[in-house]
Amino acid sequence: TQRARLRTGGVSTIDDLAARSEPVEGLSHRAFGSLRAQARAQLTQERTGTPFAEVFDAAPLGSLPAPDDGDIFFDFEGDPLWCEDGNPDWGLEYLFGVVEGRAGTLAFRPFWAHNRSDERRALLDFLEYVAERRRKHPRMHVYHYAAYEKSALLRLAGRHGAGEDAVDQLLRDGVLVDLYPLVRGSIRIGASSYSIK
């Protein structure tokens, strides 16, 4: 709807949107301002060739836990079309990816799965890794982007009948921290998938 209103209002490129000063009919002042600021951020990154980010509302960032040396960043990679021997249970989480350490000393730790048995092993190994890390760093958190990691951990624990208590404990203790709502509500970045066309 926003794209259609922009096009009807004569805005057909990001450059048009970034330069426009008068509002577009049918878009609220807030929506128009947000879209224009995003366009300007994208053009800034495009023109300078360096990553661009700006905090437009710092309040949500205040809900982040205090940094801890044990903090990790976690992401799944999966294949939704994978199946094994005609089993109707489709999908495989083939990589549990973890980044650990501090700036300058970051390390990537993969937990790989090539089949259902490996997926179970990767789940258990990942959960043991987190448990061991929590013993050393009781205030550590597992940061992820969007709700997929939480739901996938729950789904995998159910699928394999393993690790349910560990996943539940991570959720109860607030160890998993979803960065998506914080970033979406606080930070505008130059790299974006927004498109007018």
C-alpha atoms as a PDB file:
ATOM      1  CA  THR A   1       0.000   0.000   0.000  1.00  0.00           C
ATOM      2  CA  GLN A   2       2.812   2.406   0.856  1.00  0.00           C
ATOM      3  CA  ARG A   3       4.605   1.706  -2.433  1.00  0.00           C
ATOM      4  CA  ALA A   4       1.411   2.338  -4.383  1.00  0.00           C
ATOM      5  CA  ARG A   5       0.827   5.625  -2.576  1.00  0.00           C
ATOM      6  CA  LEU A   6       4.420   6.699  -3.148  1.00  0.00           C
ATOM      7  CA  ARG A   7       4.183   5.920  -6.872  1.00  0.00           C
ATOM      8  CA  THR A   8       0.838   7.735  -7.135  1.00  0.00           C
ATOM      9  CA  GLY A   9       2.447  10.699  -5.372  1.00  0.00           C
ATOM     10  CA  GLY A  10       5.258  10.835  -7.952  1.00  0.00           C
ATOM     11  CA  VAL A  11       7.913   9.021  -5.917  1.00  0.00           C
ATOM     12  CA  SER A  12       9.396   6.203  -7.987  1.00  0.00           C
ATOM     13  CA  THR A  13      12.989   5.939  -6.727  1.00  0.00           C
ATOM     14  CA  ILE A  14      14.804   6.026  -3.420  1.00  0.00           C
ATOM     15  CA  ASP A  15      16.488   9.243  -4.613  1.00  0.00           C
ATOM     16  CA  ASP A  16      13.046  10.813  -5.153  1.00  0.00           C
ATOM     17  CA  LEU A  17      11.943   9.770  -1.680  1.00  0.00           C
ATOM     18  CA  ALA A  18      15.102  11.001   0.057  1.00  0.00           C
ATOM     19  CA  ALA A  19      14.841  14.417  -1.616  1.00  0.00           C
ATOM     20  CA  ARG A  20      11.114  14.919  -1.144  1.00  0.00           C
ATOM     21  CA  SER A  21      10.067  17.504   1.411  1.00  0.00           C
ATOM     22  CA  GLU A  22       6.269  17.587   1.052  1.00  0.00           C
ATOM     23  CA  PRO A  23       4.229  14.660   2.400  1.00  0.00           C
ATOM     24  CA  VAL A  24       2.632  12.036   0.187  1.00  0.00           C
ATOM     25  CA  GLU A  25      -1.140  11.843   0.178  1.00  0.00           C
ATOM     26  CA  GLY A  26      -2.405   8.801   2.068  1.00  0.00           C
ATOM     27  CA  LEU A  27       0.761   8.344   4.148  1.00  0.00           C
ATOM     28  CA  SER A  28       0.821   9.526   7.734  1.00  0.00           C
ATOM     29  CA  HIS A  29       3.453  12.100   8.655  1.00  0.00           C
ATOM     30  CA  ARG A  30       5.219   9.466  10.759  1.00  0.00           C
ATOM     31  CA  ALA A  31       5.210   6.784   8.030  1.00  0.00           C
ATOM     32  CA  PHE A  32       6.438   9.249   5.411  1.00  0.00           C
ATOM     33  CA  GLY A  33       9.181  10.527   7.730  1.00  0.00           C
ATOM     34  CA  SER A  34      10.343   7.016   8.519  1.00  0.00           C
ATOM     35  CA  LEU A  35      10.428   5.968   4.853  1.00  0.00           C
ATOM     36  CA  ARG A  36      12.267   9.148   3.845  1.00  0.00           C
ATOM     37  CA  ALA A  37      14.843   8.677   6.630  1.00  0.00           C
ATOM     38  CA  GLN A  38      15.383   5.061   5.521  1.00  0.00           C
ATOM     39  CA  ALA A  39      15.903   6.204   1.933  1.00  0.00           C
ATOM     40  CA  ARG A  40      18.447   8.782   3.104  1.00  0.00           C
ATOM     41  CA  ALA A  41      20.284   6.124   5.134  1.00  0.00           C
ATOM     42  CA  GLN A  42      20.478   3.813   2.134  1.00  0.00           C
ATOM     43  CA  LEU A  43      21.758   6.582  -0.117  1.00  0.00           C
ATOM     44  CA  THR A  44      24.354   7.623   2.466  1.00  0.00           C
ATOM     45  CA  GLN A  45      25.744   4.082   2.531  1.00  0.00           C
ATOM     46  CA  GLU A  46      25.592   3.818  -1.249  1.00  0.00           C
ATOM     47  CA  ARG A  47      27.391   7.135  -1.782  1.00  0.00           C
ATOM     48  CA  THR A  48      30.075   6.678   0.896  1.00  0.00           C
ATOM     49  CA  GLY A  49      30.645   2.961   0.393  1.00  0.00           C
ATOM     50  CA  THR A  50      30.830   2.457   4.156  1.00  0.00           C
ATOM     51  CA  PRO A  51      28.226   0.839   6.406  1.00  0.00           C
ATOM     52  CA  PHE A  52      25.759   3.371   7.770  1.00  0.00           C
ATOM     53  CA  ALA A  53      23.583   3.098  10.853  1.00  0.00           C
ATOM     54  CA  GLU A  54      21.827   5.643  12.998  1.00  0.00           C
ATOM     55  CA  VAL A  55      19.962   5.284  16.243  1.00  0.00           C
ATOM     56  CA  PHE A  56      16.593   6.989  15.921  1.00  0.00           C
ATOM     57  CA  ASP A  57      15.178   5.840  19.269  1.00  0.00           C
ATOM     58  CA  ALA A  58      17.610   4.783  21.978  1.00  0.00           C
ATOM     59  CA  ALA A  59      14.926   3.821  24.508  1.00  0.00           C
ATOM     60  CA  PRO A  60      14.411   0.207  23.303  1.00  0.00           C
ATOM     61  CA  LEU A  61      18.176  -0.360  23.421  1.00  0.00           C
ATOM     62  CA  GLY A  62      18.022   0.252  27.166  1.00  0.00           C
ATOM     63  CA  SER A  63      16.311  -3.119  27.578  1.00  0.00           C
ATOM     64  CA  LEU A  64      19.437  -4.973  26.417  1.00  0.00           C
ATOM     65  CA  PRO A  65      21.171  -6.985  29.142  1.00  0.00           C
ATOM     66  CA  ALA A  66      24.576  -5.823  30.345  1.00  0.00           C
ATOM     67  CA  PRO A  67      27.363  -7.226  28.144  1.00  0.00           C
ATOM     68  CA  ASP A  68      29.080 -10.360  29.426  1.00  0.00           C
ATOM     69  CA  ASP A  69      32.275 -12.093  28.289  1.00  0.00           C
ATOM     70  CA  GLY A  70      30.230 -15.255  27.755  1.00  0.00           C
ATOM     71  CA  ASP A  71      27.708 -13.696  25.347  1.00  0.00           C
ATOM     72  CA  ILE A  72      27.275 -15.471  22.021  1.00  0.00           C
ATOM     73  CA  PHE A  73      25.444 -14.730  18.795  1.00  0.00           C
ATOM     74  CA  PHE A  74      23.441 -17.598  17.349  1.00  0.00           C
ATOM     75  CA  ASP A  75      21.815 -18.348  13.994  1.00  0.00           C
ATOM     76  CA  PHE A  76      20.297 -21.413  12.358  1.00  0.00           C
ATOM     77  CA  GLU A  77      20.641 -22.309   8.717  1.00  0.00           C
ATOM     78  CA  GLY A  78      18.177 -24.842   7.421  1.00  0.00           C
ATOM     79  CA  ASP A  79      16.790 -26.515   4.338  1.00  0.00           C
ATOM     80  CA  PRO A  80      12.972 -26.642   4.457  1.00  0.00           C
ATOM     81  CA  LEU A  81      12.830 -29.059   1.499  1.00  0.00           C
ATOM     82  CA  TRP A  82      15.199 -31.670   2.931  1.00  0.00           C
ATOM     83  CA  CYS A  83      13.684 -35.086   3.595  1.00  0.00           C
ATOM     84  CA  GLU A  84      15.134 -38.451   4.482  1.00  0.00           C
ATOM     85  CA  ASP A  85      14.046 -41.736   2.865  1.00  0.00           C
ATOM     86  CA  GLY A  86      10.617 -40.398   1.940  1.00  0.00           C
ATOM     87  CA  ASN A  87       9.800 -39.452   5.535  1.00  0.00           C
ATOM     88  CA  PRO A  88       7.081 -36.768   5.455  1.00  0.00           C
ATOM     89  CA  ASP A  89       8.843 -34.826   8.252  1.00  0.00           C
ATOM     90  CA  TRP A  90      10.485 -32.237   5.985  1.00  0.00           C
ATOM     91  CA  GLY A  91      13.202 -29.787   6.858  1.00  0.00           C
ATOM     92  CA  LEU A  92      16.651 -30.030   8.395  1.00  0.00           C
ATOM     93  CA  GLU A  93      18.492 -27.515  10.547  1.00  0.00           C
ATOM     94  CA  TYR A  94      21.898 -28.243   9.057  1.00  0.00           C
ATOM     95  CA  LEU A  95      23.926 -25.539  10.821  1.00  0.00           C
ATOM     96  CA  PHE A  96      23.755 -24.189  14.350  1.00  0.00           C
ATOM     97  CA  GLY A  97      26.128 -21.237  13.943  1.00  0.00           C
ATOM     98  CA  VAL A  98      27.664 -19.478  16.932  1.00  0.00           C
ATOM     99  CA  VAL A  99      29.941 -16.444  17.092  1.00  0.00           C
ATOM    100  CA  GLU A 100      31.763 -16.054  20.389  1.00  0.00           C
ATOM    101  CA  GLY A 101      34.408 -13.705  21.774  1.00  0.00           C
ATOM    102  CA  ARG A 102      34.981  -9.978  21.693  1.00  0.00           C
ATOM    103  CA  ALA A 103      35.744  -7.589  18.834  1.00  0.00           C
ATOM    104  CA  GLY A 104      39.131  -8.484  17.438  1.00  0.00           C
ATOM    105  CA  THR A 105      38.991 -12.027  18.817  1.00  0.00           C
ATOM    106  CA  LEU A 106      35.719 -13.328  17.385  1.00  0.00           C
ATOM    107  CA  ALA A 107      35.505 -17.017  16.558  1.00  0.00           C
ATOM    108  CA  PHE A 108      32.896 -18.988  14.641  1.00  0.00           C
ATOM    109  CA  ARG A 109      31.773 -22.311  16.101  1.00  0.00           C
ATOM    110  CA  PRO A 110      29.606 -24.517  13.864  1.00  0.00           C
ATOM    111  CA  PHE A 111      27.436 -27.460  14.869  1.00  0.00           C
ATOM    112  CA  TRP A 112      26.734 -29.313  11.594  1.00  0.00           C
ATOM    113  CA  ALA A 113      23.984 -31.756  10.655  1.00  0.00           C
ATOM    114  CA  HIS A 114      23.715 -33.748   7.419  1.00  0.00           C
ATOM    115  CA  ASN A 115      20.819 -35.977   8.423  1.00  0.00           C
ATOM    116  CA  ARG A 116      18.216 -36.383  11.174  1.00  0.00           C
ATOM    117  CA  SER A 117      20.609 -38.201  13.500  1.00  0.00           C
ATOM    118  CA  ASP A 118      23.231 -35.449  13.081  1.00  0.00           C
ATOM    119  CA  GLU A 119      20.550 -32.837  13.734  1.00  0.00           C
ATOM    120  CA  ARG A 120      19.761 -34.460  17.092  1.00  0.00           C
ATOM    121  CA  ARG A 121      23.462 -34.612  17.937  1.00  0.00           C
ATOM    122  CA  ALA A 122      23.954 -30.951  16.908  1.00  0.00           C
ATOM    123  CA  LEU A 123      21.030 -29.922  19.132  1.00  0.00           C
ATOM    124  CA  LEU A 124      22.430 -31.786  22.136  1.00  0.00           C
ATOM    125  CA  ASP A 125      25.981 -30.566  21.500  1.00  0.00           C
ATOM    126  CA  PHE A 126      24.778 -26.967  21.154  1.00  0.00           C
ATOM    127  CA  LEU A 127      22.741 -27.182  24.372  1.00  0.00           C
ATOM    128  CA  GLU A 128      25.702 -28.693  26.239  1.00  0.00           C
ATOM    129  CA  TYR A 129      27.975 -25.980  24.853  1.00  0.00           C
ATOM    130  CA  VAL A 130      25.565 -23.297  26.134  1.00  0.00           C
ATOM    131  CA  ALA A 131      25.229 -25.045  29.523  1.00  0.00           C
ATOM    132  CA  GLU A 132      29.019 -25.225  29.914  1.00  0.00           C
ATOM    133  CA  ARG A 133      29.387 -21.603  28.889  1.00  0.00           C
ATOM    134  CA  ARG A 134      26.697 -20.602  31.423  1.00  0.00           C
ATOM    135  CA  ARG A 135      28.607 -22.410  34.172  1.00  0.00           C
ATOM    136  CA  LYS A 136      31.632 -20.231  33.379  1.00  0.00           C
ATOM    137  CA  HIS A 137      29.593 -17.077  32.630  1.00  0.00           C
ATOM    138  CA  PRO A 138      26.298 -17.194  34.588  1.00  0.00           C
ATOM    139  CA  ARG A 139      25.150 -13.816  33.200  1.00  0.00           C
ATOM    140  CA  MET A 140      25.787 -14.663  29.548  1.00  0.00           C
ATOM    141  CA  HIS A 141      23.082 -14.400  26.873  1.00  0.00           C
ATOM    142  CA  VAL A 142      22.427 -16.003  23.510  1.00  0.00           C
ATOM    143  CA  TYR A 143      21.624 -13.226  21.041  1.00  0.00           C
ATOM    144  CA  HIS A 144      19.691 -14.030  17.874  1.00  0.00           C
ATOM    145  CA  TYR A 145      17.799 -12.094  15.220  1.00  0.00           C
ATOM    146  CA  ALA A 146      14.027 -12.735  14.974  1.00  0.00           C
ATOM    147  CA  ALA A 147      11.920 -15.417  16.613  1.00  0.00           C
ATOM    148  CA  TYR A 148      13.059 -18.325  14.432  1.00  0.00           C
ATOM    149  CA  GLU A 149      15.827 -19.527  16.749  1.00  0.00           C
ATOM    150  CA  LYS A 150      13.505 -19.846  19.747  1.00  0.00           C
ATOM    151  CA  SER A 151      10.801 -21.636  17.800  1.00  0.00           C
ATOM    152  CA  ALA A 152      13.307 -23.904  16.031  1.00  0.00           C
ATOM    153  CA  LEU A 153      14.938 -24.937  19.317  1.00  0.00           C
ATOM    154  CA  LEU A 154      11.514 -25.822  20.725  1.00  0.00           C
ATOM    155  CA  ARG A 155      10.550 -27.681  17.536  1.00  0.00           C
ATOM    156  CA  LEU A 156      13.834 -29.630  17.464  1.00  0.00           C
ATOM    157  CA  ALA A 157      13.591 -30.587  21.130  1.00  0.00           C
ATOM    158  CA  GLY A 158      10.087 -31.913  20.457  1.00  0.00           C
ATOM    159  CA  ARG A 159      11.058 -33.645  17.216  1.00  0.00           C
ATOM    160  CA  HIS A 160      13.961 -35.469  18.823  1.00  0.00           C
ATOM    161  CA  GLY A 161      12.519 -35.908  22.304  1.00  0.00           C
ATOM    162  CA  ALA A 162      15.776 -34.472  23.618  1.00  0.00           C
ATOM    163  CA  GLY A 163      16.856 -31.274  25.288  1.00  0.00           C
ATOM    164  CA  GLU A 164      13.345 -30.105  26.199  1.00  0.00           C
ATOM    165  CA  ASP A 165      14.291 -29.238  29.775  1.00  0.00           C
ATOM    166  CA  ALA A 166      17.424 -27.375  28.668  1.00  0.00           C
ATOM    167  CA  VAL A 167      15.505 -25.314  26.093  1.00  0.00           C
ATOM    168  CA  ASP A 168      12.735 -24.580  28.608  1.00  0.00           C
ATOM    169  CA  GLN A 169      15.344 -23.433  31.145  1.00  0.00           C
ATOM    170  CA  LEU A 170      16.977 -21.101  28.620  1.00  0.00           C
ATOM    171  CA  LEU A 171      13.572 -19.570  27.905  1.00  0.00           C
ATOM    172  CA  ARG A 172      12.588 -19.310  31.579  1.00  0.00           C
ATOM    173  CA  ASP A 173      15.902 -17.696  32.479  1.00  0.00           C
ATOM    174  CA  GLY A 174      15.664 -15.156  29.639  1.00  0.00           C
ATOM    175  CA  VAL A 175      18.975 -16.303  28.184  1.00  0.00           C
ATOM    176  CA  LEU A 176      17.755 -16.033  24.581  1.00  0.00           C
ATOM    177  CA  VAL A 177      17.595 -12.390  23.479  1.00  0.00           C
ATOM    178  CA  ASP A 178      15.863 -11.511  20.214  1.00  0.00           C
ATOM    179  CA  LEU A 179      17.557  -8.456  18.703  1.00  0.00           C
ATOM    180  CA  TYR A 180      15.034  -7.993  15.881  1.00  0.00           C
ATOM    181  CA  PRO A 181      12.436  -5.910  17.747  1.00  0.00           C
ATOM    182  CA  LEU A 182      15.181  -3.804  19.329  1.00  0.00           C
ATOM    183  CA  VAL A 183      16.886  -3.085  16.023  1.00  0.00           C
ATOM    184  CA  ARG A 184      13.624  -2.546  14.158  1.00  0.00           C
ATOM    185  CA  GLY A 185      12.445  -0.054  16.757  1.00  0.00           C
ATOM    186  CA  SER A 186      15.763   1.720  17.327  1.00  0.00           C
ATOM    187  CA  ILE A 187      18.232   1.631  14.463  1.00  0.00           C
ATOM    188  CA  ARG A 188      18.049   2.608  10.816  1.00  0.00           C
ATOM    189  CA  ILE A 189      20.687   0.944   8.635  1.00  0.00           C
ATOM    190  CA  GLY A 190      21.878   1.829   5.162  1.00  0.00           C
ATOM    191  CA  ALA A 191      21.707  -1.690   3.789  1.00  0.00           C
ATOM    192  CA  SER A 192      18.073  -2.556   3.329  1.00  0.00           C
ATOM    193  CA  SER A 193      15.693  -4.596   1.255  1.00  0.00           C
ATOM    194  CA  TYR A 194      13.171  -1.753   1.044  1.00  0.00           C
ATOM    195  CA  SER A 195      12.083  -1.084  -2.496  1.00  0.00           C
ATOM    196  CA  ILE A 196       9.622   1.330  -3.992  1.00  0.00           C
ATOM    197  CA  LYS A 197       9.101  -0.608  -7.218  1.00  0.00           C
END
